[in-house]
PDB file of all heavy atoms in Angstrom:
ATOM      1  N   LEU A   1       0.769  -1.165   0.020  1.00  0.00           N
ATOM      2  CA  LEU A   1       0.006   0.018  -0.001  1.00  0.00           C
ATOM      3  C   LEU A   1       0.830   1.288  -0.012  1.00  0.00           C
ATOM      4  O   LEU A   1       0.308   2.352  -0.076  1.00  0.00           O
ATOM      5  CB  LEU A   1      -0.930  -0.014   1.197  1.00  0.00           C
ATOM      6  CG  LEU A   1      -2.039  -1.096   1.138  1.00  0.00           C
ATOM      7  CD1 LEU A   1      -2.817  -0.996   2.482  1.00  0.00           C
ATOM      8  CD2 LEU A   1      -2.972  -0.847   0.015  1.00  0.00           C
ATOM      9  N   ILE A   2       2.147   1.145   0.120  1.00  0.00           N
ATOM     10  CA  ILE A   2       2.984   2.344   0.133  1.00  0.00           C
ATOM     11  C   ILE A   2       2.791   3.205  -1.137  1.00  0.00           C
ATOM     12  O   ILE A   2       2.554   4.481  -1.056  1.00  0.00           O
ATOM     13  CB  ILE A   2       4.472   2.008   0.241  1.00  0.00           C
ATOM     14  CG1 ILE A   2       4.767   1.627   1.729  1.00  0.00           C
ATOM     15  CG2 ILE A   2       5.424   3.211  -0.066  1.00  0.00           C
ATOM     16  CD1 ILE A   2       6.202   1.161   2.005  1.00  0.00           C
ATOM     17  N   PRO A   3       2.836   2.653  -2.326  1.00  0.00           N
ATOM     18  CA  PRO A   3       2.621   3.485  -3.527  1.00  0.00           C
ATOM     19  C   PRO A   3       1.236   4.236  -3.496  1.00  0.00           C
ATOM     20  O   PRO A   3       1.143   5.351  -3.976  1.00  0.00           O
ATOM     21  CB  PRO A   3       2.622   2.444  -4.703  1.00  0.00           C
ATOM     22  CG  PRO A   3       3.422   1.330  -4.145  1.00  0.00           C
ATOM     23  CD  PRO A   3       3.117   1.224  -2.741  1.00  0.00           C
ATOM     24  N   LEU A   4       0.199   3.616  -2.994  1.00  0.00           N
ATOM     25  CA  LEU A   4      -1.062   4.141  -3.056  1.00  0.00           C
ATOM     26  C   LEU A   4      -1.076   5.342  -2.005  1.00  0.00           C
ATOM     27  O   LEU A   4      -1.665   6.440  -2.247  1.00  0.00           O
ATOM     28  CB  LEU A   4      -2.192   3.128  -2.564  1.00  0.00           C
ATOM     29  CG  LEU A   4      -3.645   3.698  -2.518  1.00  0.00           C
ATOM     30  CD1 LEU A   4      -4.049   4.115  -3.875  1.00  0.00           C
ATOM     31  CD2 LEU A   4      -4.530   2.603  -1.997  1.00  0.00           C
ATOM     32  N   ALA A   5      -0.340   5.160  -0.849  1.00  0.00           N
ATOM     33  CA  ALA A   5      -0.326   6.206   0.159  1.00  0.00           C
ATOM     34  C   ALA A   5       0.335   7.432  -0.435  1.00  0.00           C
ATOM     35  O   ALA A   5       0.047   8.561  -0.114  1.00  0.00           O
ATOM     36  CB  ALA A   5       0.371   5.717   1.433  1.00  0.00           C
ATOM     37  N   LEU A   6       1.430   7.177  -1.175  1.00  0.00           N
ATOM     38  CA  LEU A   6       2.212   8.305  -1.763  1.00  0.00           C
ATOM     39  C   LEU A   6       1.568   8.934  -2.898  1.00  0.00           C
ATOM     40  O   LEU A   6       1.562  10.188  -3.069  1.00  0.00           O
ATOM     41  CB  LEU A   6       3.599   7.834  -2.180  1.00  0.00           C
ATOM     42  CG  LEU A   6       4.517   7.266  -1.119  1.00  0.00           C
ATOM     43  CD1 LEU A   6       5.803   6.834  -1.711  1.00  0.00           C
ATOM     44  CD2 LEU A   6       4.745   8.231   0.004  1.00  0.00           C
ATOM     45  N   ARG A   7       0.883   8.157  -3.658  1.00  0.00           N
ATOM     46  CA  ARG A   7       0.199   8.744  -4.902  1.00  0.00           C
ATOM     47  C   ARG A   7      -1.232   9.331  -4.525  1.00  0.00           C
ATOM     48  O   ARG A   7      -1.529  10.353  -5.076  1.00  0.00           O
ATOM     49  CB  ARG A   7      -0.010   7.592  -5.936  1.00  0.00           C
ATOM     50  CG  ARG A   7      -0.552   8.112  -7.269  1.00  0.00           C
ATOM     51  CD  ARG A   7      -0.894   7.015  -8.233  1.00  0.00           C
ATOM     52  NE  ARG A   7      -1.880   6.057  -7.764  1.00  0.00           N
ATOM     53  CZ  ARG A   7      -1.779   4.871  -7.344  1.00  0.00           C
ATOM     54  NH1 ARG A   7      -0.623   4.326  -7.272  1.00  0.00           N
ATOM     55  NH2 ARG A   7      -2.811   4.171  -6.971  1.00  0.00           N
ATOM     56  N   GLY A   8      -1.822   8.727  -3.599  1.00  0.00           N
ATOM     57  CA  GLY A   8      -3.163   9.150  -3.270  1.00  0.00           C
ATOM     58  C   GLY A   8      -4.293   8.541  -4.093  1.00  0.00           C
ATOM     59  O   GLY A   8      -4.054   8.085  -5.207  1.00  0.00           O
ATOM     60  N   VAL A   9      -5.399   8.417  -3.394  1.00  0.00           N
ATOM     61  CA  VAL A   9      -6.656   7.847  -4.162  1.00  0.00           C
ATOM     62  C   VAL A   9      -7.230   8.888  -5.052  1.00  0.00           C
ATOM     63  O   VAL A   9      -7.560   9.965  -4.584  1.00  0.00           O
ATOM     64  CB  VAL A   9      -7.655   7.301  -3.144  1.00  0.00           C
ATOM     65  CG1 VAL A   9      -8.884   6.798  -3.822  1.00  0.00           C
ATOM     66  CG2 VAL A   9      -7.098   6.233  -2.255  1.00  0.00           C
ATOM     67  N   ARG A  10      -7.300   8.637  -6.328  1.00  0.00           N
ATOM     68  CA  ARG A  10      -7.852   9.583  -7.253  1.00  0.00           C
ATOM     69  C   ARG A  10      -9.354   9.819  -7.019  1.00  0.00           C
ATOM     70  O   ARG A  10     -10.115   8.857  -6.779  1.00  0.00           O
ATOM     71  CB  ARG A  10      -7.666   9.073  -8.690  1.00  0.00           C
ATOM     72  CG  ARG A  10      -6.204   8.975  -9.120  1.00  0.00           C
ATOM     73  CD  ARG A  10      -5.559  10.305  -9.249  1.00  0.00           C
ATOM     74  NE  ARG A  10      -4.212  10.298  -9.647  1.00  0.00           N
ATOM     75  CZ  ARG A  10      -3.186  10.435  -8.819  1.00  0.00           C
ATOM     76  NH1 ARG A  10      -3.454  10.625  -7.539  1.00  0.00           N
ATOM     77  NH2 ARG A  10      -1.896  10.400  -9.226  1.00  0.00           N
ATOM     78  N   VAL A  11      -9.693  11.070  -7.032  1.00  0.00           N
ATOM     79  CA  VAL A  11     -11.091  11.451  -6.777  1.00  0.00           C
ATOM     80  C   VAL A  11     -11.868  11.670  -8.039  1.00  0.00           C
ATOM     81  O   VAL A  11     -11.520  12.543  -8.893  1.00  0.00           O
ATOM     82  CB  VAL A  11     -11.223  12.727  -5.856  1.00  0.00           C
ATOM     83  CG1 VAL A  11     -12.643  13.096  -5.621  1.00  0.00           C
ATOM     84  CG2 VAL A  11     -10.493  12.571  -4.574  1.00  0.00           C
ATOM     85  N   GLN A  12     -12.859  10.846  -8.236  1.00  0.00           N
ATOM     86  CA  GLN A  12     -13.690  10.971  -9.495  1.00  0.00           C
ATOM     87  C   GLN A  12     -14.732  12.110  -9.291  1.00  0.00           C
ATOM     88  O   GLN A  12     -15.137  12.437  -8.148  1.00  0.00           O
ATOM     89  CB  GLN A  12     -14.346   9.644  -9.854  1.00  0.00           C
ATOM     90  CG  GLN A  12     -13.376   8.527 -10.125  1.00  0.00           C
ATOM     91  CD  GLN A  12     -14.059   7.199 -10.474  1.00  0.00           C
ATOM     92  OE1 GLN A  12     -15.204   7.019 -10.041  1.00  0.00           O
ATOM     93  NE2 GLN A  12     -13.370   6.320 -11.096  1.00  0.00           N
ATOM     94  N   ALA A  13     -15.219  12.638 -10.381  1.00  0.00           N
ATOM     95  CA  ALA A  13     -16.217  13.628 -10.376  1.00  0.00           C
ATOM     96  C   ALA A  13     -17.573  12.947 -10.111  1.00  0.00           C
ATOM     97  O   ALA A  13     -18.237  12.450 -10.875  1.00  0.00           O
ATOM     98  CB  ALA A  13     -16.275  14.416 -11.704  1.00  0.00           C
ATOM     99  N   ALA A  14     -17.857  12.963  -8.756  1.00  0.00           N
ATOM    100  CA  ALA A  14     -19.077  12.248  -8.286  1.00  0.00           C
ATOM    101  C   ALA A  14     -19.498  12.873  -6.984  1.00  0.00           C
ATOM    102  O   ALA A  14     -18.759  13.597  -6.317  1.00  0.00           O
ATOM    103  CB  ALA A  14     -18.920  10.790  -8.184  1.00  0.00           C
ATOM    104  N   SER A  15     -20.736  12.560  -6.571  1.00  0.00           N
ATOM    105  CA  SER A  15     -21.210  13.106  -5.322  1.00  0.00           C
ATOM    106  C   SER A  15     -20.521  12.417  -4.065  1.00  0.00           C
ATOM    107  O   SER A  15     -19.898  11.362  -4.253  1.00  0.00           O
ATOM    108  CB  SER A  15     -22.736  12.838  -5.209  1.00  0.00           C
ATOM    109  OG  SER A  15     -23.042  11.455  -5.139  1.00  0.00           O
ATOM    110  N   ALA A  16     -20.581  13.075  -2.978  1.00  0.00           N
ATOM    111  CA  ALA A  16     -19.968  12.503  -1.742  1.00  0.00           C
ATOM    112  C   ALA A  16     -20.515  11.073  -1.451  1.00  0.00           C
ATOM    113  O   ALA A  16     -19.796  10.256  -1.001  1.00  0.00           O
ATOM    114  CB  ALA A  16     -20.120  13.449  -0.601  1.00  0.00           C
ATOM    115  N   ALA A  17     -21.883  10.983  -1.639  1.00  0.00           N
ATOM    116  CA  ALA A  17     -22.528   9.663  -1.283  1.00  0.00           C
ATOM    117  C   ALA A  17     -21.941   8.575  -2.244  1.00  0.00           C
ATOM    118  O   ALA A  17     -21.663   7.393  -1.789  1.00  0.00           O
ATOM    119  CB  ALA A  17     -24.014   9.791  -1.416  1.00  0.00           C
ATOM    120  N   HIS A  18     -21.815   8.915  -3.558  1.00  0.00           N
ATOM    121  CA  HIS A  18     -21.267   7.903  -4.466  1.00  0.00           C
ATOM    122  C   HIS A  18     -19.849   7.551  -4.149  1.00  0.00           C
ATOM    123  O   HIS A  18     -19.456   6.387  -4.170  1.00  0.00           O
ATOM    124  CB  HIS A  18     -21.296   8.578  -5.836  1.00  0.00           C
ATOM    125  CG  HIS A  18     -20.675   7.637  -6.903  1.00  0.00           C
ATOM    126  ND1 HIS A  18     -21.355   6.514  -7.467  1.00  0.00           N
ATOM    127  CD2 HIS A  18     -19.423   7.623  -7.481  1.00  0.00           C
ATOM    128  CE1 HIS A  18     -20.554   5.934  -8.337  1.00  0.00           C
ATOM    129  NE2 HIS A  18     -19.355   6.552  -8.386  1.00  0.00           N
ATOM    130  N   LEU A  19     -19.035   8.578  -3.723  1.00  0.00           N
ATOM    131  CA  LEU A  19     -17.597   8.243  -3.383  1.00  0.00           C
ATOM    132  C   LEU A  19     -17.509   7.377  -2.120  1.00  0.00           C
ATOM    133  O   LEU A  19     -16.756   6.496  -2.006  1.00  0.00           O
ATOM    134  CB  LEU A  19     -16.888   9.558  -3.119  1.00  0.00           C
ATOM    135  CG  LEU A  19     -16.544  10.462  -4.317  1.00  0.00           C
ATOM    136  CD1 LEU A  19     -15.951  11.763  -3.826  1.00  0.00           C
ATOM    137  CD2 LEU A  19     -15.631   9.754  -5.302  1.00  0.00           C
ATOM    138  N   LEU A  20     -18.480   7.658  -1.160  1.00  0.00           N
ATOM    139  CA  LEU A  20     -18.530   6.859   0.013  1.00  0.00           C
ATOM    140  C   LEU A  20     -18.858   5.344  -0.264  1.00  0.00           C
ATOM    141  O   LEU A  20     -18.211   4.472   0.175  1.00  0.00           O
ATOM    142  CB  LEU A  20     -19.528   7.431   1.019  1.00  0.00           C
ATOM    143  CG  LEU A  20     -19.726   6.654   2.306  1.00  0.00           C
ATOM    144  CD1 LEU A  20     -18.376   6.571   3.101  1.00  0.00           C
ATOM    145  CD2 LEU A  20     -20.735   7.277   3.170  1.00  0.00           C
ATOM    146  N   ARG A  21     -19.834   5.205  -1.118  1.00  0.00           N
ATOM    147  CA  ARG A  21     -20.296   3.814  -1.528  1.00  0.00           C
ATOM    148  C   ARG A  21     -19.144   3.115  -2.237  1.00  0.00           C
ATOM    149  O   ARG A  21     -18.919   1.911  -1.939  1.00  0.00           O
ATOM    150  CB  ARG A  21     -21.565   3.847  -2.389  1.00  0.00           C
ATOM    151  CG  ARG A  21     -22.799   4.218  -1.699  1.00  0.00           C
ATOM    152  CD  ARG A  21     -24.076   3.912  -2.533  1.00  0.00           C
ATOM    153  NE  ARG A  21     -23.994   4.650  -3.833  1.00  0.00           N
ATOM    154  CZ  ARG A  21     -24.569   5.800  -3.910  1.00  0.00           C
ATOM    155  NH1 ARG A  21     -25.117   6.380  -2.882  1.00  0.00           N
ATOM    156  NH2 ARG A  21     -24.497   6.449  -5.104  1.00  0.00           N
ATOM    157  N   ARG A  22     -18.472   3.831  -3.082  1.00  0.00           N
ATOM    158  CA  ARG A  22     -17.363   3.242  -3.915  1.00  0.00           C
ATOM    159  C   ARG A  22     -16.287   2.858  -2.987  1.00  0.00           C
ATOM    160  O   ARG A  22     -15.720   1.784  -3.116  1.00  0.00           O
ATOM    161  CB  ARG A  22     -16.892   4.340  -4.925  1.00  0.00           C
ATOM    162  CG  ARG A  22     -15.675   3.858  -5.716  1.00  0.00           C
ATOM    163  CD  ARG A  22     -15.264   4.869  -6.735  1.00  0.00           C
ATOM    164  NE  ARG A  22     -14.076   4.562  -7.440  1.00  0.00           N
ATOM    165  CZ  ARG A  22     -12.826   4.929  -6.971  1.00  0.00           C
ATOM    166  NH1 ARG A  22     -12.766   5.525  -5.849  1.00  0.00           N
ATOM    167  NH2 ARG A  22     -11.728   4.560  -7.697  1.00  0.00           N
ATOM    168  N   ASN A  23     -15.880   3.701  -2.048  1.00  0.00           N
ATOM    169  CA  ASN A  23     -14.744   3.373  -1.148  1.00  0.00           C
ATOM    170  C   ASN A  23     -15.129   2.232  -0.162  1.00  0.00           C
ATOM    171  O   ASN A  23     -14.249   1.379   0.146  1.00  0.00           O
ATOM    172  CB  ASN A  23     -14.329   4.616  -0.360  1.00  0.00           C
ATOM    173  CG  ASN A  23     -13.509   5.535  -1.181  1.00  0.00           C
ATOM    174  OD1 ASN A  23     -13.005   5.178  -2.260  1.00  0.00           O
ATOM    175  ND2 ASN A  23     -13.324   6.722  -0.688  1.00  0.00           N
ATOM    176  N   LEU A  24     -16.347   2.197   0.299  1.00  0.00           N
ATOM    177  CA  LEU A  24     -16.799   1.041   1.148  1.00  0.00           C
ATOM    178  C   LEU A  24     -16.694  -0.225   0.388  1.00  0.00           C
ATOM    179  O   LEU A  24     -16.324  -1.280   0.932  1.00  0.00           O
ATOM    180  CB  LEU A  24     -18.203   1.361   1.684  1.00  0.00           C
ATOM    181  CG  LEU A  24     -18.353   2.398   2.811  1.00  0.00           C
ATOM    182  CD1 LEU A  24     -19.775   2.646   3.111  1.00  0.00           C
ATOM    183  CD2 LEU A  24     -17.499   1.954   4.025  1.00  0.00           C
ATOM    184  N   LEU A  25     -17.129  -0.224  -0.919  1.00  0.00           N
ATOM    185  CA  LEU A  25     -17.136  -1.439  -1.713  1.00  0.00           C
ATOM    186  C   LEU A  25     -15.704  -1.955  -2.024  1.00  0.00           C
ATOM    187  O   LEU A  25     -15.417  -3.090  -1.830  1.00  0.00           O
ATOM    188  CB  LEU A  25     -17.890  -1.164  -3.045  1.00  0.00           C
ATOM    189  CG  LEU A  25     -18.003  -2.340  -3.950  1.00  0.00           C
ATOM    190  CD1 LEU A  25     -18.752  -3.454  -3.349  1.00  0.00           C
ATOM    191  CD2 LEU A  25     -18.617  -1.886  -5.281  1.00  0.00           C
ATOM    192  N   ILE A  26     -14.864  -0.940  -2.346  1.00  0.00           N
ATOM    193  CA  ILE A  26     -13.480  -1.366  -2.817  1.00  0.00           C
ATOM    194  C   ILE A  26     -12.643  -1.598  -1.574  1.00  0.00           C
ATOM    195  O   ILE A  26     -12.000  -2.652  -1.461  1.00  0.00           O
ATOM    196  CB  ILE A  26     -12.880  -0.217  -3.666  1.00  0.00           C
ATOM    197  CG1 ILE A  26     -13.618  -0.101  -4.974  1.00  0.00           C
ATOM    198  CG2 ILE A  26     -11.330  -0.559  -3.957  1.00  0.00           C
ATOM    199  CD1 ILE A  26     -13.068   1.040  -5.834  1.00  0.00           C
ATOM    200  N   TYR A  27     -12.525  -0.655  -0.573  1.00  0.00           N
ATOM    201  CA  TYR A  27     -11.640  -0.797   0.532  1.00  0.00           C
ATOM    202  C   TYR A  27     -12.245  -1.455   1.735  1.00  0.00           C
ATOM    203  O   TYR A  27     -11.522  -2.042   2.531  1.00  0.00           O
ATOM    204  CB  TYR A  27     -11.100   0.579   0.871  1.00  0.00           C
ATOM    205  CG  TYR A  27     -10.359   1.251  -0.271  1.00  0.00           C
ATOM    206  CD1 TYR A  27     -10.957   2.187  -1.075  1.00  0.00           C
ATOM    207  CD2 TYR A  27      -9.017   0.860  -0.536  1.00  0.00           C
ATOM    208  CE1 TYR A  27     -10.309   2.810  -2.143  1.00  0.00           C
ATOM    209  CE2 TYR A  27      -8.351   1.446  -1.542  1.00  0.00           C
ATOM    210  CZ  TYR A  27      -8.944   2.421  -2.380  1.00  0.00           C
ATOM    211  OH  TYR A  27      -8.265   2.967  -3.451  1.00  0.00           O
ATOM    212  N   GLY A  28     -13.571  -1.379   1.844  1.00  0.00           N
ATOM    213  CA  GLY A  28     -14.247  -2.132   2.943  1.00  0.00           C
ATOM    214  C   GLY A  28     -14.258  -3.550   2.738  1.00  0.00           C
ATOM    215  O   GLY A  28     -13.792  -4.392   3.485  1.00  0.00           O
ATOM    216  N   VAL A  29     -15.037  -3.879   1.592  1.00  0.00           N
ATOM    217  CA  VAL A  29     -15.137  -5.351   1.202  1.00  0.00           C
ATOM    218  C   VAL A  29     -13.790  -5.932   0.932  1.00  0.00           C
ATOM    219  O   VAL A  29     -13.470  -7.065   1.339  1.00  0.00           O
ATOM    220  CB  VAL A  29     -16.117  -5.462   0.040  1.00  0.00           C
ATOM    221  CG1 VAL A  29     -16.148  -6.919  -0.408  1.00  0.00           C
ATOM    222  CG2 VAL A  29     -17.487  -4.931   0.345  1.00  0.00           C
ATOM    223  N   GLY A  30     -12.964  -5.092   0.205  1.00  0.00           N
ATOM    224  CA  GLY A  30     -11.629  -5.598  -0.122  1.00  0.00           C
ATOM    225  C   GLY A  30     -10.829  -5.897   1.149  1.00  0.00           C
ATOM    226  O   GLY A  30     -10.027  -6.852   1.265  1.00  0.00           O
ATOM    227  N   GLY A  31     -10.960  -5.024   2.151  1.00  0.00           N
ATOM    228  CA  GLY A  31     -10.242  -5.204   3.460  1.00  0.00           C
ATOM    229  C   GLY A  31     -10.641  -6.418   4.180  1.00  0.00           C
ATOM    230  O   GLY A  31      -9.869  -6.986   4.994  1.00  0.00           O
ATOM    231  N   ILE A  32     -11.843  -6.935   3.942  1.00  0.00           N
ATOM    232  CA  ILE A  32     -12.278  -8.144   4.501  1.00  0.00           C
ATOM    233  C   ILE A  32     -11.882  -9.387   3.787  1.00  0.00           C
ATOM    234  O   ILE A  32     -11.379 -10.362   4.288  1.00  0.00           O
ATOM    235  CB  ILE A  32     -13.818  -8.210   4.670  1.00  0.00           C
ATOM    236  CG1 ILE A  32     -14.275  -7.031   5.706  1.00  0.00           C
ATOM    237  CG2 ILE A  32     -14.368  -9.508   5.052  1.00  0.00           C
ATOM    238  CD1 ILE A  32     -15.740  -6.874   5.831  1.00  0.00           C
ATOM    239  N   VAL A  33     -11.926  -9.269   2.395  1.00  0.00           N
ATOM    240  CA  VAL A  33     -11.632 -10.463   1.573  1.00  0.00           C
ATOM    241  C   VAL A  33     -10.133 -10.713   1.499  1.00  0.00           C
ATOM    242  O   VAL A  33      -9.675 -11.867   1.619  1.00  0.00           O
ATOM    243  CB  VAL A  33     -12.157 -10.231   0.182  1.00  0.00           C
ATOM    244  CG1 VAL A  33     -11.745 -11.335  -0.776  1.00  0.00           C
ATOM    245  CG2 VAL A  33     -13.732 -10.193   0.296  1.00  0.00           C
ATOM    246  N   VAL A  34      -9.284  -9.669   1.312  1.00  0.00           N
ATOM    247  CA  VAL A  34      -7.847  -9.793   0.972  1.00  0.00           C
ATOM    248  C   VAL A  34      -7.150 -10.529   2.141  1.00  0.00           C
ATOM    249  O   VAL A  34      -6.325 -11.460   1.827  1.00  0.00           O
ATOM    250  CB  VAL A  34      -7.223  -8.395   0.768  1.00  0.00           C
ATOM    251  CG1 VAL A  34      -5.703  -8.513   0.770  1.00  0.00           C
ATOM    252  CG2 VAL A  34      -7.738  -7.809  -0.563  1.00  0.00           C
ATOM    253  N   PRO A  35      -7.405 -10.305   3.394  1.00  0.00           N
ATOM    254  CA  PRO A  35      -6.660 -11.040   4.479  1.00  0.00           C
ATOM    255  C   PRO A  35      -6.986 -12.574   4.389  1.00  0.00           C
ATOM    256  O   PRO A  35      -6.065 -13.309   4.655  1.00  0.00           O
ATOM    257  CB  PRO A  35      -7.215 -10.425   5.764  1.00  0.00           C
ATOM    258  CG  PRO A  35      -7.688  -9.083   5.389  1.00  0.00           C
ATOM    259  CD  PRO A  35      -8.228  -9.176   4.071  1.00  0.00           C
ATOM    260  N   PHE A  36      -8.190 -12.919   4.137  1.00  0.00           N
ATOM    261  CA  PHE A  36      -8.582 -14.348   4.093  1.00  0.00           C
ATOM    262  C   PHE A  36      -7.772 -15.014   3.003  1.00  0.00           C
ATOM    263  O   PHE A  36      -7.113 -16.109   3.151  1.00  0.00           O
ATOM    264  CB  PHE A  36     -10.050 -14.563   3.766  1.00  0.00           C
ATOM    265  CG  PHE A  36     -10.958 -14.368   4.983  1.00  0.00           C
ATOM    266  CD1 PHE A  36     -11.555 -13.187   5.222  1.00  0.00           C
ATOM    267  CD2 PHE A  36     -11.024 -15.424   5.952  1.00  0.00           C
ATOM    268  CE1 PHE A  36     -12.358 -13.046   6.352  1.00  0.00           C
ATOM    269  CE2 PHE A  36     -11.844 -15.259   7.079  1.00  0.00           C
ATOM    270  CZ  PHE A  36     -12.529 -14.073   7.265  1.00  0.00           C
ATOM    271  N   VAL A  37      -7.670 -14.397   1.783  1.00  0.00           N
ATOM    272  CA  VAL A  37      -6.930 -14.967   0.682  1.00  0.00           C
ATOM    273  C   VAL A  37      -5.458 -14.908   0.968  1.00  0.00           C
ATOM    274  O   VAL A  37      -4.695 -15.914   0.760  1.00  0.00           O
ATOM    275  CB  VAL A  37      -7.257 -14.214  -0.638  1.00  0.00           C
ATOM    276  CG1 VAL A  37      -6.436 -14.763  -1.779  1.00  0.00           C
ATOM    277  CG2 VAL A  37      -8.754 -14.262  -0.949  1.00  0.00           C
ATOM    278  N   GLY A  38      -4.971 -13.704   1.425  1.00  0.00           N
ATOM    279  CA  GLY A  38      -3.525 -13.569   1.679  1.00  0.00           C
ATOM    280  C   GLY A  38      -2.955 -14.525   2.726  1.00  0.00           C
ATOM    281  O   GLY A  38      -1.918 -15.130   2.559  1.00  0.00           O
ATOM    282  N   ILE A  39      -3.637 -14.568   3.853  1.00  0.00           N
ATOM    283  CA  ILE A  39      -3.179 -15.464   4.973  1.00  0.00           C
ATOM    284  C   ILE A  39      -3.174 -16.909   4.536  1.00  0.00           C
ATOM    285  O   ILE A  39      -2.264 -17.705   4.923  1.00  0.00           O
ATOM    286  CB  ILE A  39      -4.026 -15.199   6.195  1.00  0.00           C
ATOM    287  CG1 ILE A  39      -3.781 -13.759   6.756  1.00  0.00           C
ATOM    288  CG2 ILE A  39      -3.776 -16.246   7.290  1.00  0.00           C
ATOM    289  CD1 ILE A  39      -4.671 -13.356   7.927  1.00  0.00           C
ATOM    290  N   LYS A  40      -4.225 -17.312   3.802  1.00  0.00           N
ATOM    291  CA  LYS A  40      -4.293 -18.710   3.361  1.00  0.00           C
ATOM    292  C   LYS A  40      -3.112 -19.084   2.476  1.00  0.00           C
ATOM    293  O   LYS A  40      -2.461 -20.106   2.597  1.00  0.00           O
ATOM    294  CB  LYS A  40      -5.580 -18.978   2.671  1.00  0.00           C
ATOM    295  CG  LYS A  40      -5.784 -20.412   2.137  1.00  0.00           C
ATOM    296  CD  LYS A  40      -5.630 -21.456   3.270  1.00  0.00           C
ATOM    297  CE  LYS A  40      -5.730 -22.894   2.785  1.00  0.00           C
ATOM    298  NZ  LYS A  40      -5.581 -23.906   3.774  1.00  0.00           N
ATOM    299  N   LEU A  41      -2.874 -18.151   1.542  1.00  0.00           N
ATOM    300  CA  LEU A  41      -1.704 -18.437   0.556  1.00  0.00           C
ATOM    301  C   LEU A  41      -0.402 -18.468   1.275  1.00  0.00           C
ATOM    302  O   LEU A  41       0.465 -19.306   0.999  1.00  0.00           O
ATOM    303  CB  LEU A  41      -1.718 -17.357  -0.560  1.00  0.00           C
ATOM    304  CG  LEU A  41      -2.856 -17.351  -1.526  1.00  0.00           C
ATOM    305  CD1 LEU A  41      -2.754 -16.148  -2.453  1.00  0.00           C
ATOM    306  CD2 LEU A  41      -2.879 -18.637  -2.330  1.00  0.00           C
ATOM    307  N   ILE A  42      -0.203 -17.474   2.225  1.00  0.00           N
ATOM    308  CA  ILE A  42       1.082 -17.520   3.019  1.00  0.00           C
ATOM    309  C   ILE A  42       1.153 -18.775   3.894  1.00  0.00           C
ATOM    310  O   ILE A  42       2.226 -19.348   4.064  1.00  0.00           O
ATOM    311  CB  ILE A  42       1.172 -16.256   3.896  1.00  0.00           C
ATOM    312  CG1 ILE A  42       1.178 -15.021   2.974  1.00  0.00           C
ATOM    313  CG2 ILE A  42       2.348 -16.293   4.801  1.00  0.00           C
ATOM    314  CD1 ILE A  42       1.129 -13.734   3.741  1.00  0.00           C
ATOM    315  N   ASP A  43       0.000 -19.200   4.444  1.00  0.00           N
ATOM    316  CA  ASP A  43       0.042 -20.415   5.294  1.00  0.00           C
ATOM    317  C   ASP A  43       0.413 -21.670   4.453  1.00  0.00           C
ATOM    318  O   ASP A  43       1.213 -22.460   4.896  1.00  0.00           O
ATOM    319  CB  ASP A  43      -1.351 -20.711   5.831  1.00  0.00           C
ATOM    320  CG  ASP A  43      -1.542 -21.946   6.629  1.00  0.00           C
ATOM    321  OD1 ASP A  43      -1.021 -22.015   7.774  1.00  0.00           O
ATOM    322  OD2 ASP A  43      -2.075 -22.908   6.067  1.00  0.00           O
ATOM    323  N   MET A  44      -0.053 -21.675   3.229  1.00  0.00           N
ATOM    324  CA  MET A  44       0.276 -22.828   2.389  1.00  0.00           C
ATOM    325  C   MET A  44       1.792 -22.831   2.012  1.00  0.00           C
ATOM    326  O   MET A  44       2.474 -23.828   1.968  1.00  0.00           O
ATOM    327  CB  MET A  44      -0.594 -22.782   1.095  1.00  0.00           C
ATOM    328  CG  MET A  44      -2.021 -23.035   1.329  1.00  0.00           C
ATOM    329  SD  MET A  44      -3.091 -22.683  -0.176  1.00  0.00           S
ATOM    330  CE  MET A  44      -2.371 -23.811  -1.310  1.00  0.00           C
ATOM    331  N   LEU A  45       2.264 -21.572   1.762  1.00  0.00           N
ATOM    332  CA  LEU A  45       3.713 -21.413   1.412  1.00  0.00           C
ATOM    333  C   LEU A  45       4.583 -21.784   2.603  1.00  0.00           C
ATOM    334  O   LEU A  45       5.571 -22.497   2.418  1.00  0.00           O
ATOM    335  CB  LEU A  45       3.932 -19.941   0.918  1.00  0.00           C
ATOM    336  CG  LEU A  45       5.394 -19.668   0.463  1.00  0.00           C
ATOM    337  CD1 LEU A  45       5.756 -20.516  -0.718  1.00  0.00           C
ATOM    338  CD2 LEU A  45       5.478 -18.243   0.212  1.00  0.00           C
TER     339      LEU A  45
END
């Protein structure tokens, strides 16, 4: 995530509600799914 922190999340021309829904979908759901996948792959390795 270092490159994302340095570059920043690009803001699309949309309402605040749309941006909130988009971020919850990408970073909220992604934050739940990614650890399950990542930890399992590392465990197997």
